[in-house]
Amino acid sequence: MKSAPAPLYKGQRPQSLENAHQGLPDAITMPQAVERALKFNPSLGAQESQSRSSEEGRKSARGAFGPKLGMSYTAVRQERTSSPSTTRPPELGTYSWGVEVSQPVFQGFRLLARYQKAALQADSDKAALRNAELAMTEQVQTYFLNYLRAEENVRSERDSLARLRDQLRITTAFFDVGLRPRLDVLQAEVNVSQAENLLIQAENNRDTSLAMLNTLLGLPATARAEYAGRLAHVPFNRTLEQCLETAYRQRPDLYMAARSVEIAGKEQREVQSDYYPEVEAYYNITQTGNTPDLQRAGSSDRSSRGTTWEVGARATWNVFQWGATYYADKQAGWLVSKMRYEEDNLKLTVGYEIKSKLLAVHEAQKRISVAEKGVEQAREAYNVALARYQEQVGTNFDVLDASARLTTAQASLTGAKADYLTALAQIYVAMGEFHPDLMQR
């Protein structure tokens, strides 16, 4: 049987985030960001606590196989009038102290089913923890790439603003000597204002992505963190069949679905245990007396003490319960069928998810090639338009339009690179693989 997928982070997560911001590197890379999120994000701490709780539940279920030791102490005082007087109860009351050791011999496979169910639940929660860690990895990488995309957009908008300011300076100089009309200057000023507005929006998007990234890493709002990375192109050459084979073998949610079917089966087995008798062996010893310390104290004619021991076996069997066990068994059987249908549906969903993610990778890869050519052509067109304007054979509108097209082309290239890496992060998670560094070949 395939073992439960091991969690990515080794060791218990800290209970407090007070020191999460200490020891930050000067520039956090993507692998470092993923590692810190897996260690400090509170949502993963909650999932890890659930996994550890299930493991303790498995140990508790295992303990039910062993013998039980129980003790009891009772004190009873009676008032009764009888004749002759020798039958009166003790004046100080009756006291007893007992010890019993019992060992379950057979309980209709109930104990075995409970232990197996607890063990399966512990394995399932361990896989759930790994699944949550993979999802957190994808989330951190997505926001990291969004931050890099925003940084590139800010850089592109700054370059666009610098070009428009140069064009405004050139247009103003031409206007001052009477070579260009006032309209060209006004158009250049409007475009500069629009570029400044777009730059402000781009910087706000970058700061928003930065704040979300800090939150995922468990950093407080006041923490100052710097992130470093680049939107590099990393080839991905796996086929659909290879991706599907990896996903069916490694995805934690598929493992969890299989365990859910087994858990439902054990629950049905536990219900079926009511069909059988329960047998328990026991040994007990009881001391009785008419004094609290069970010793011979008080007047000798009224003191008493006795010891009784017993060894035996008890068997109980609910022979008829008006169909309660029968219908509970049927109910549990239908739940098993439900879990199997859900497992089959999940497998189909995984196939669709893998194919859609792979198509997204191929689409973004093609867009990168097209966008690179578009940037080259847009840059050449801008240089030509600027040269024509400076030679007095082009218009101010041609330069502004070429500058805008160059900015758009740069944004398209940045978006294609970021979308490709985002799709790469998503398909790795869809296959159940842990890749903290997408740039690693």
Protein backbone atom coordinates (compact mmCIF):
# COMPACT_ATOMS: atom_id res chain seq x y z
CA MET A 1 0.00 0.00 0.00
CA LYS A 2 1.33 3.41 -0.93
CA SER A 3 2.49 5.40 2.09
CA ALA A 4 1.12 8.80 3.01
CA PRO A 5 2.86 11.71 1.28
CA ALA A 6 5.29 13.25 3.73
CA PRO A 7 4.76 16.92 4.63
CA LEU A 8 7.18 19.34 3.02
CA TYR A 9 8.22 21.11 6.20
CA LYS A 10 10.12 18.93 8.63
CA GLY A 11 9.40 19.76 12.24
CA GLN A 12 6.71 21.52 14.22
CA ARG A 13 5.84 25.05 13.19
CA PRO A 14 6.32 27.83 15.75
CA GLN A 15 3.33 28.68 17.92
CA SER A 16 3.99 32.43 17.66
CA LEU A 17 4.82 34.81 14.79
CA GLU A 18 6.73 37.24 17.00
CA ASN A 19 10.09 36.26 15.54
CA ALA A 20 8.93 35.69 11.97
CA HIS A 21 10.37 39.02 10.80
CA GLN A 22 13.77 38.45 12.41
CA GLY A 23 16.64 37.14 10.34
CA LEU A 24 15.20 38.31 7.03
CA PRO A 25 17.76 38.33 4.20
CA ASP A 26 18.45 41.54 2.35
CA ALA A 27 16.60 40.20 -0.70
CA ILE A 28 14.21 37.24 -0.40
CA THR A 29 14.28 34.88 -3.37
CA MET A 30 11.37 32.69 -4.44
CA PRO A 31 12.68 29.50 -2.73
CA GLN A 32 13.28 31.46 0.48
CA ALA A 33 9.78 32.94 0.31
CA VAL A 34 8.25 29.49 -0.10
CA GLU A 35 10.30 28.10 2.79
CA ARG A 36 9.28 30.93 5.13
CA ALA A 37 5.61 30.60 4.19
CA LEU A 38 5.67 26.85 4.89
CA LYS A 39 7.20 27.55 8.29
CA PHE A 40 5.35 30.63 9.50
CA ASN A 41 1.96 30.79 7.78
CA PRO A 42 -0.71 30.27 10.48
CA SER A 43 -3.10 28.33 8.24
CA LEU A 44 -0.50 25.60 7.81
CA GLY A 45 0.05 25.57 11.56
CA ALA A 46 -3.64 24.78 12.00
CA GLN A 47 -3.45 21.97 9.45
CA GLU A 48 -0.35 20.54 11.12
CA SER A 49 -2.14 20.58 14.49
CA GLN A 50 -4.95 18.57 12.92
CA SER A 51 -2.45 16.05 11.57
CA ARG A 52 -0.77 15.67 14.95
CA SER A 53 -4.17 15.34 16.62
CA SER A 54 -5.10 12.46 14.30
CA GLU A 55 -1.82 10.71 15.10
CA GLU A 56 -2.58 10.91 18.82
CA GLY A 57 -6.06 9.55 18.05
CA ARG A 58 -4.44 6.54 16.36
CA LYS A 59 -2.36 5.89 19.48
CA SER A 60 -5.47 6.20 21.63
CA ALA A 61 -7.31 3.62 19.49
CA ARG A 62 -4.32 1.29 19.78
CA GLY A 63 -4.49 1.51 23.56
CA ALA A 64 -7.99 0.02 23.54
CA PHE A 65 -6.51 -3.41 22.72
CA GLY A 66 -4.76 -3.64 26.09
CA PRO A 67 -6.17 -4.54 29.50
CA LYS A 68 -7.97 -2.02 31.68
CA LEU A 69 -7.37 -1.46 35.39
CA GLY A 70 -10.16 0.07 37.43
CA MET A 71 -10.67 0.85 41.11
CA SER A 72 -13.75 1.75 43.13
CA TYR A 73 -14.49 2.77 46.72
CA THR A 74 -17.99 2.96 48.16
CA ALA A 75 -19.44 4.04 51.51
CA VAL A 76 -23.02 3.13 52.47
CA ARG A 77 -24.89 3.96 55.67
CA GLN A 78 -28.27 2.39 56.41
CA GLU A 79 -30.90 2.90 59.08
CA ARG A 80 -33.13 -0.11 59.68
CA THR A 81 -35.25 -1.22 62.65
CA SER A 82 -35.39 -4.98 63.05
CA SER A 83 -35.82 -7.69 65.63
CA PRO A 84 -33.77 -9.27 66.95
CA SER A 85 -31.32 -6.40 67.36
CA THR A 86 -28.39 -8.48 66.04
CA THR A 87 -29.55 -7.87 62.47
CA ARG A 88 -29.10 -4.10 62.66
CA PRO A 89 -26.62 -2.60 60.10
CA PRO A 90 -23.22 -1.36 61.29
CA GLU A 91 -23.40 1.98 63.04
CA LEU A 92 -20.45 3.41 61.06
CA GLY A 93 -21.82 2.14 57.72
CA THR A 94 -20.52 -0.35 55.19
CA TYR A 95 -17.37 0.36 53.13
CA SER A 96 -15.86 -1.47 50.19
CA TRP A 97 -12.82 -1.06 47.94
CA GLY A 98 -12.36 -3.02 44.73
CA VAL A 99 -9.81 -3.47 41.96
CA GLU A 100 -10.66 -5.03 38.59
CA VAL A 101 -8.51 -5.92 35.61
CA SER A 102 -10.40 -6.62 32.38
CA GLN A 103 -9.21 -7.64 28.94
CA PRO A 104 -11.40 -7.48 25.83
CA VAL A 105 -11.25 -10.86 24.07
CA PHE A 106 -13.65 -10.35 21.18
CA GLN A 107 -15.87 -7.38 20.34
CA GLY A 108 -17.06 -8.28 16.87
CA PHE A 109 -13.96 -6.69 15.23
CA ARG A 110 -15.03 -3.29 16.62
CA LEU A 111 -11.67 -2.47 18.22
CA LEU A 112 -9.74 -3.53 15.12
CA ALA A 113 -12.00 -1.47 12.86
CA ARG A 114 -11.66 1.60 15.10
CA TYR A 115 -7.89 1.34 15.16
CA GLN A 116 -7.65 0.85 11.40
CA LYS A 117 -9.98 3.80 10.85
CA ALA A 118 -7.89 6.00 13.16
CA ALA A 119 -4.69 4.94 11.40
CA LEU A 120 -6.20 5.71 7.99
CA GLN A 121 -7.41 9.09 9.25
CA ALA A 122 -3.92 9.91 10.51
CA ASP A 123 -2.48 9.04 7.09
CA SER A 124 -5.18 11.08 5.36
CA ASP A 125 -4.52 14.14 7.54
CA LYS A 126 -0.80 13.83 6.87
CA ALA A 127 -1.58 13.89 3.16
CA ALA A 128 -3.94 16.83 3.74
CA LEU A 129 -1.07 18.72 5.35
CA ARG A 130 1.14 18.10 2.32
CA ASN A 131 -1.73 19.11 0.04
CA ALA A 132 -2.10 22.38 1.98
CA GLU A 133 1.65 22.97 1.74
CA LEU A 134 1.59 22.46 -2.03
CA ALA A 135 -1.34 24.88 -2.32
CA MET A 136 0.56 27.42 -0.20
CA THR A 137 3.61 26.95 -2.42
CA GLU A 138 1.54 27.75 -5.50
CA GLN A 139 -0.03 30.76 -3.80
CA VAL A 140 3.31 32.20 -2.72
CA GLN A 141 4.82 31.67 -6.15
CA THR A 142 1.80 33.26 -7.85
CA TYR A 143 1.99 36.40 -5.73
CA PHE A 144 5.78 36.45 -6.05
CA LEU A 145 5.39 36.44 -9.83
CA ASN A 146 2.66 39.08 -9.57
CA TYR A 147 5.12 41.22 -7.65
CA LEU A 148 7.82 40.73 -10.29
CA ARG A 149 5.27 41.51 -13.00
CA ALA A 150 4.30 44.69 -11.15
CA GLU A 151 7.97 45.65 -10.81
CA GLU A 152 8.47 45.20 -14.56
CA ASN A 153 5.34 47.24 -15.26
CA VAL A 154 6.59 50.03 -12.99
CA ARG A 155 9.91 50.01 -14.83
CA SER A 156 8.12 50.08 -18.18
CA GLU A 157 5.86 52.95 -17.11
CA ARG A 158 8.88 54.91 -15.88
CA ASP A 159 10.60 54.40 -19.23
CA SER A 160 7.40 55.50 -20.99
CA LEU A 161 7.18 58.59 -18.81
CA ALA A 162 10.82 59.41 -19.54
CA ARG A 163 10.20 59.10 -23.29
CA LEU A 164 7.12 61.32 -23.13
CA ARG A 165 8.94 63.93 -21.09
CA ASP A 166 11.73 63.98 -23.66
CA GLN A 167 9.13 64.35 -26.39
CA LEU A 168 7.51 67.22 -24.47
CA ARG A 169 10.90 68.88 -24.15
CA ILE A 170 11.59 68.50 -27.89
CA THR A 171 8.09 69.67 -28.85
CA THR A 172 8.35 72.69 -26.56
CA ALA A 173 11.71 73.60 -28.13
CA PHE A 174 10.22 73.34 -31.62
CA PHE A 175 7.25 75.45 -30.53
CA ASP A 176 9.52 78.12 -29.09
CA VAL A 177 11.21 78.60 -32.48
CA GLY A 178 7.91 78.43 -34.34
CA LEU A 179 8.40 75.02 -35.96
CA ARG A 180 5.47 73.30 -34.21
CA PRO A 181 1.99 74.46 -33.25
CA ARG A 182 0.75 74.86 -29.69
CA LEU A 183 -1.48 71.78 -30.19
CA ASP A 184 1.57 69.50 -30.27
CA VAL A 185 2.73 70.85 -26.93
CA LEU A 186 -0.70 70.35 -25.40
CA GLN A 187 -0.87 66.77 -26.70
CA ALA A 188 2.56 66.02 -25.25
CA GLU A 189 1.56 67.48 -21.88
CA VAL A 190 -1.64 65.40 -21.78
CA ASN A 191 0.31 62.22 -22.55
CA VAL A 192 2.82 63.03 -19.79
CA SER A 193 -0.03 63.44 -17.30
CA GLN A 194 -1.58 60.14 -18.38
CA ALA A 195 1.79 58.39 -18.06
CA GLU A 196 2.22 59.78 -14.54
CA ASN A 197 -1.22 58.46 -13.62
CA LEU A 198 -0.42 55.01 -15.04
CA LEU A 199 2.85 54.98 -13.11
CA ILE A 200 1.01 55.70 -9.86
CA GLN A 201 -1.39 52.81 -10.56
CA ALA A 202 1.48 50.46 -11.39
CA GLU A 203 3.28 51.36 -8.15
CA ASN A 204 0.09 50.79 -6.16
CA ASN A 205 -0.36 47.35 -7.75
CA ARG A 206 3.23 46.51 -6.87
CA ASP A 207 2.78 47.61 -3.24
CA THR A 208 -0.46 45.61 -2.98
CA SER A 209 1.28 42.46 -4.24
CA LEU A 210 4.10 43.12 -1.77
CA ALA A 211 1.65 43.40 1.13
CA MET A 212 -0.06 40.13 0.18
CA LEU A 213 3.29 38.39 -0.16
CA ASN A 214 4.31 39.57 3.32
CA THR A 215 1.02 38.24 4.70
CA LEU A 216 1.59 34.79 3.21
CA LEU A 217 5.05 34.69 4.76
CA GLY A 218 3.61 35.48 8.19
CA LEU A 219 5.25 38.91 8.28
CA PRO A 220 3.56 41.82 10.07
CA ALA A 221 2.34 44.84 8.13
CA THR A 222 5.24 46.93 9.46
CA ALA A 223 7.94 44.53 8.25
CA ARG A 224 10.25 45.80 5.54
CA ALA A 225 11.00 42.99 3.12
CA GLU A 226 12.74 43.06 -0.25
CA TYR A 227 12.17 40.42 -2.91
CA ALA A 228 14.52 39.58 -5.73
CA GLY A 229 13.90 37.57 -8.87
CA ARG A 230 13.42 37.76 -12.61
CA LEU A 231 10.89 36.57 -15.14
CA ALA A 232 13.14 34.06 -16.89
CA HIS A 233 11.97 31.46 -19.40
CA VAL A 234 12.48 27.87 -18.22
CA PRO A 235 11.64 25.11 -20.75
CA PHE A 236 8.99 22.54 -19.84
CA ASN A 237 9.14 19.46 -22.08
CA ARG A 238 6.92 16.87 -20.39
CA THR A 239 4.12 15.25 -22.36
CA LEU A 240 0.51 14.96 -21.24
CA GLU A 241 0.97 11.25 -20.52
CA GLN A 242 3.99 11.94 -18.31
CA CYS A 243 2.15 14.65 -16.40
CA LEU A 244 -0.87 12.41 -15.83
CA GLU A 245 1.27 9.49 -14.65
CA THR A 246 3.05 11.76 -12.17
CA ALA A 247 -0.22 13.26 -10.91
CA TYR A 248 -1.92 9.89 -10.38
CA ARG A 249 1.14 8.71 -8.46
CA GLN A 250 1.93 11.77 -6.32
CA ARG A 251 -1.15 13.94 -5.75
CA PRO A 252 -2.06 14.00 -2.04
CA ASP A 253 -5.78 14.56 -2.68
CA LEU A 254 -5.97 11.32 -4.67
CA TYR A 255 -4.31 9.54 -1.76
CA MET A 256 -6.83 11.17 0.58
CA ALA A 257 -9.72 10.06 -1.64
CA ALA A 258 -8.49 6.45 -1.57
CA ARG A 259 -8.18 6.60 2.21
CA SER A 260 -11.70 8.02 2.47
CA VAL A 261 -13.01 4.90 0.75
CA GLU A 262 -11.10 2.69 3.19
CA ILE A 263 -12.25 4.73 6.19
CA ALA A 264 -15.87 4.35 5.07
CA GLY A 265 -15.27 0.59 4.79
CA LYS A 266 -13.91 0.45 8.34
CA GLU A 267 -16.92 2.41 9.59
CA GLN A 268 -19.17 -0.19 7.99
CA ARG A 269 -17.10 -2.94 9.63
CA GLU A 270 -17.54 -1.21 12.97
CA VAL A 271 -21.32 -1.12 12.48
CA GLN A 272 -21.32 -4.82 11.52
CA SER A 273 -19.66 -5.69 14.83
CA ASP A 274 -23.09 -5.39 16.46
CA TYR A 275 -24.02 -8.64 14.73
CA TYR A 276 -21.56 -10.52 16.98
CA PRO A 277 -21.33 -11.13 20.73
CA GLU A 278 -18.80 -9.35 22.90
CA VAL A 279 -16.51 -11.38 25.18
CA GLU A 280 -14.41 -9.93 28.01
CA ALA A 281 -12.19 -11.65 30.60
CA TYR A 282 -11.82 -10.13 34.05
CA TYR A 283 -10.30 -10.52 37.48
CA ASN A 284 -11.37 -8.49 40.51
CA ILE A 285 -10.75 -8.38 44.23
CA THR A 286 -12.98 -6.58 46.72
CA GLN A 287 -12.45 -5.72 50.36
CA THR A 288 -15.39 -4.83 52.62
CA GLY A 289 -15.63 -3.59 56.20
CA ASN A 290 -17.60 -1.43 58.59
CA THR A 291 -14.84 1.19 59.04
CA PRO A 292 -13.60 3.71 56.46
CA ASP A 293 -10.06 2.28 56.50
CA LEU A 294 -11.43 -1.28 56.11
CA GLN A 295 -9.39 -2.31 59.14
CA ARG A 296 -10.50 -3.93 62.39
CA ALA A 297 -11.17 -0.77 64.35
CA GLY A 298 -13.76 0.02 66.96
CA SER A 299 -15.33 -2.42 69.39
CA SER A 300 -14.42 -6.02 68.60
CA ASP A 301 -18.00 -7.35 68.61
CA ARG A 302 -19.11 -4.94 65.91
CA SER A 303 -15.97 -4.84 63.68
CA SER A 304 -15.93 -6.84 60.46
CA ARG A 305 -13.76 -7.26 57.40
CA GLY A 306 -13.93 -9.46 54.33
CA THR A 307 -12.05 -10.07 51.07
CA THR A 308 -13.53 -11.52 47.91
CA TRP A 309 -11.80 -12.26 44.59
CA GLU A 310 -13.32 -13.35 41.35
CA VAL A 311 -12.06 -14.39 37.93
CA GLY A 312 -14.22 -15.09 34.92
CA ALA A 313 -15.49 -14.06 31.53
CA ARG A 314 -18.50 -12.09 30.42
CA ALA A 315 -20.33 -12.45 27.11
CA THR A 316 -23.10 -10.14 25.91
CA TRP A 317 -25.05 -10.36 22.68
CA ASN A 318 -27.83 -8.14 21.40
CA VAL A 319 -29.78 -10.78 19.49
CA PHE A 320 -32.59 -8.59 18.14
CA GLN A 321 -32.84 -4.78 17.83
CA TRP A 322 -35.73 -4.32 15.36
CA GLY A 323 -33.42 -3.94 12.37
CA ALA A 324 -31.32 -1.11 13.85
CA THR A 325 -28.01 -2.83 13.06
CA TYR A 326 -29.20 -4.10 9.67
CA TYR A 327 -30.21 -0.68 8.38
CA ALA A 328 -27.16 1.00 9.90
CA ASP A 329 -25.09 -1.53 7.97
CA LYS A 330 -26.93 -0.63 4.76
CA GLN A 331 -26.44 3.06 5.44
CA ALA A 332 -22.69 2.60 5.91
CA GLY A 333 -22.54 0.53 2.71
CA TRP A 334 -24.07 3.35 0.67
CA LEU A 335 -21.53 5.76 2.16
CA VAL A 336 -18.78 3.45 0.89
CA SER A 337 -20.31 3.64 -2.59
CA LYS A 338 -20.47 7.41 -2.32
CA MET A 339 -16.76 7.64 -1.46
CA ARG A 340 -15.89 5.42 -4.43
CA TYR A 341 -17.89 7.59 -6.82
CA GLU A 342 -16.20 10.69 -5.46
CA GLU A 343 -12.79 9.08 -5.92
CA ASP A 344 -13.58 8.24 -9.55
CA ASN A 345 -14.86 11.78 -10.14
CA LEU A 346 -11.69 13.23 -8.64
CA LYS A 347 -9.56 11.16 -11.02
CA LEU A 348 -11.50 12.57 -13.97
CA THR A 349 -11.13 16.10 -12.58
CA VAL A 350 -7.39 15.59 -12.19
CA GLY A 351 -7.12 14.55 -15.84
CA TYR A 352 -8.93 17.70 -16.97
CA GLU A 353 -6.88 19.89 -14.63
CA ILE A 354 -3.57 18.51 -15.87
CA LYS A 355 -4.52 18.97 -19.52
CA SER A 356 -5.80 22.52 -19.00
CA LYS A 357 -2.66 23.52 -17.07
CA LEU A 358 -0.45 22.02 -19.75
CA LEU A 359 -2.33 23.93 -22.45
CA ALA A 360 -1.86 27.11 -20.43
CA VAL A 361 1.89 26.46 -20.33
CA HIS A 362 2.05 25.96 -24.10
CA GLU A 363 -0.11 29.03 -24.75
CA ALA A 364 2.05 31.32 -22.60
CA GLN A 365 5.19 29.86 -24.20
CA LYS A 366 3.93 30.79 -27.66
CA ARG A 367 2.89 34.24 -26.46
CA ILE A 368 6.43 34.93 -25.24
CA SER A 369 7.87 34.43 -28.72
CA VAL A 370 5.23 36.65 -30.29
CA ALA A 371 5.63 39.33 -27.60
CA GLU A 372 9.42 39.43 -27.99
CA LYS A 373 9.05 40.13 -31.69
CA GLY A 374 6.41 42.73 -30.90
CA VAL A 375 8.75 44.59 -28.53
CA GLU A 376 11.52 44.64 -31.12
CA GLN A 377 9.18 45.97 -33.79
CA ALA A 378 7.60 48.54 -31.45
CA ARG A 379 11.01 49.82 -30.33
CA GLU A 380 12.16 50.15 -33.93
CA ALA A 381 8.91 51.91 -34.86
CA TYR A 382 9.36 54.37 -32.00
CA ASN A 383 12.95 55.15 -33.01
CA VAL A 384 11.83 55.73 -36.60
CA ALA A 385 8.93 57.96 -35.54
CA LEU A 386 11.19 59.98 -33.25
CA ALA A 387 13.82 60.42 -35.96
CA ARG A 388 11.17 61.48 -38.48
CA TYR A 389 9.76 63.99 -36.02
CA GLN A 390 13.20 65.45 -35.33
CA GLU A 391 13.77 65.74 -39.08
CA GLN A 392 10.45 67.60 -39.42
CA VAL A 393 8.90 64.93 -41.65
CA GLY A 394 6.78 63.21 -38.99
CA THR A 395 4.10 64.36 -36.59
CA ASN A 396 3.96 64.55 -32.85
CA PHE A 397 1.03 62.13 -32.88
CA ASP A 398 3.19 59.49 -34.61
CA VAL A 399 5.78 59.68 -31.83
CA LEU A 400 3.20 59.54 -29.04
CA ASP A 401 1.40 56.65 -30.70
CA ALA A 402 4.66 54.73 -31.21
CA SER A 403 5.62 55.32 -27.57
CA ALA A 404 2.26 54.01 -26.39
CA ARG A 405 2.58 50.93 -28.61
CA LEU A 406 6.05 50.26 -27.23
CA THR A 407 4.75 50.45 -23.66
CA THR A 408 1.90 48.10 -24.55
CA ALA A 409 4.29 45.65 -26.22
CA GLN A 410 6.57 45.64 -23.16
CA ALA A 411 3.59 45.01 -20.90
CA SER A 412 2.48 42.14 -23.15
CA LEU A 413 5.93 40.54 -22.95
CA THR A 414 6.02 40.95 -19.17
CA GLY A 415 2.55 39.46 -18.88
CA ALA A 416 3.42 36.50 -21.11
CA LYS A 417 6.54 35.70 -19.06
CA ALA A 418 4.67 35.99 -15.77
CA ASP A 419 1.74 33.92 -17.09
CA TYR A 420 4.14 31.21 -18.28
CA LEU A 421 5.83 30.92 -14.90
CA THR A 422 2.47 31.04 -13.13
CA ALA A 423 1.19 28.20 -15.33
CA LEU A 424 4.41 26.34 -14.58
CA ALA A 425 3.82 26.71 -10.83
CA GLN A 426 0.24 25.52 -11.24
CA ILE A 427 1.07 22.41 -13.26
CA TYR A 428 3.78 21.38 -10.80
CA VAL A 429 1.26 21.59 -7.96
CA ALA A 430 -1.35 19.81 -10.10
CA MET A 431 1.14 16.94 -10.45
CA GLY A 432 1.86 16.97 -6.70
CA GLU A 433 5.49 18.02 -7.18
CA PHE A 434 7.32 20.45 -4.93
CA HIS A 435 9.31 23.03 -6.93
CA PRO A 436 10.16 26.03 -4.71
CA ASP A 437 12.43 27.49 -7.41
CA LEU A 438 10.72 27.73 -10.77
CA MET A 439 13.90 29.09 -12.35
CA GLN A 440 15.81 25.88 -11.65
CA ARG A 441 16.18 23.82 -14.80
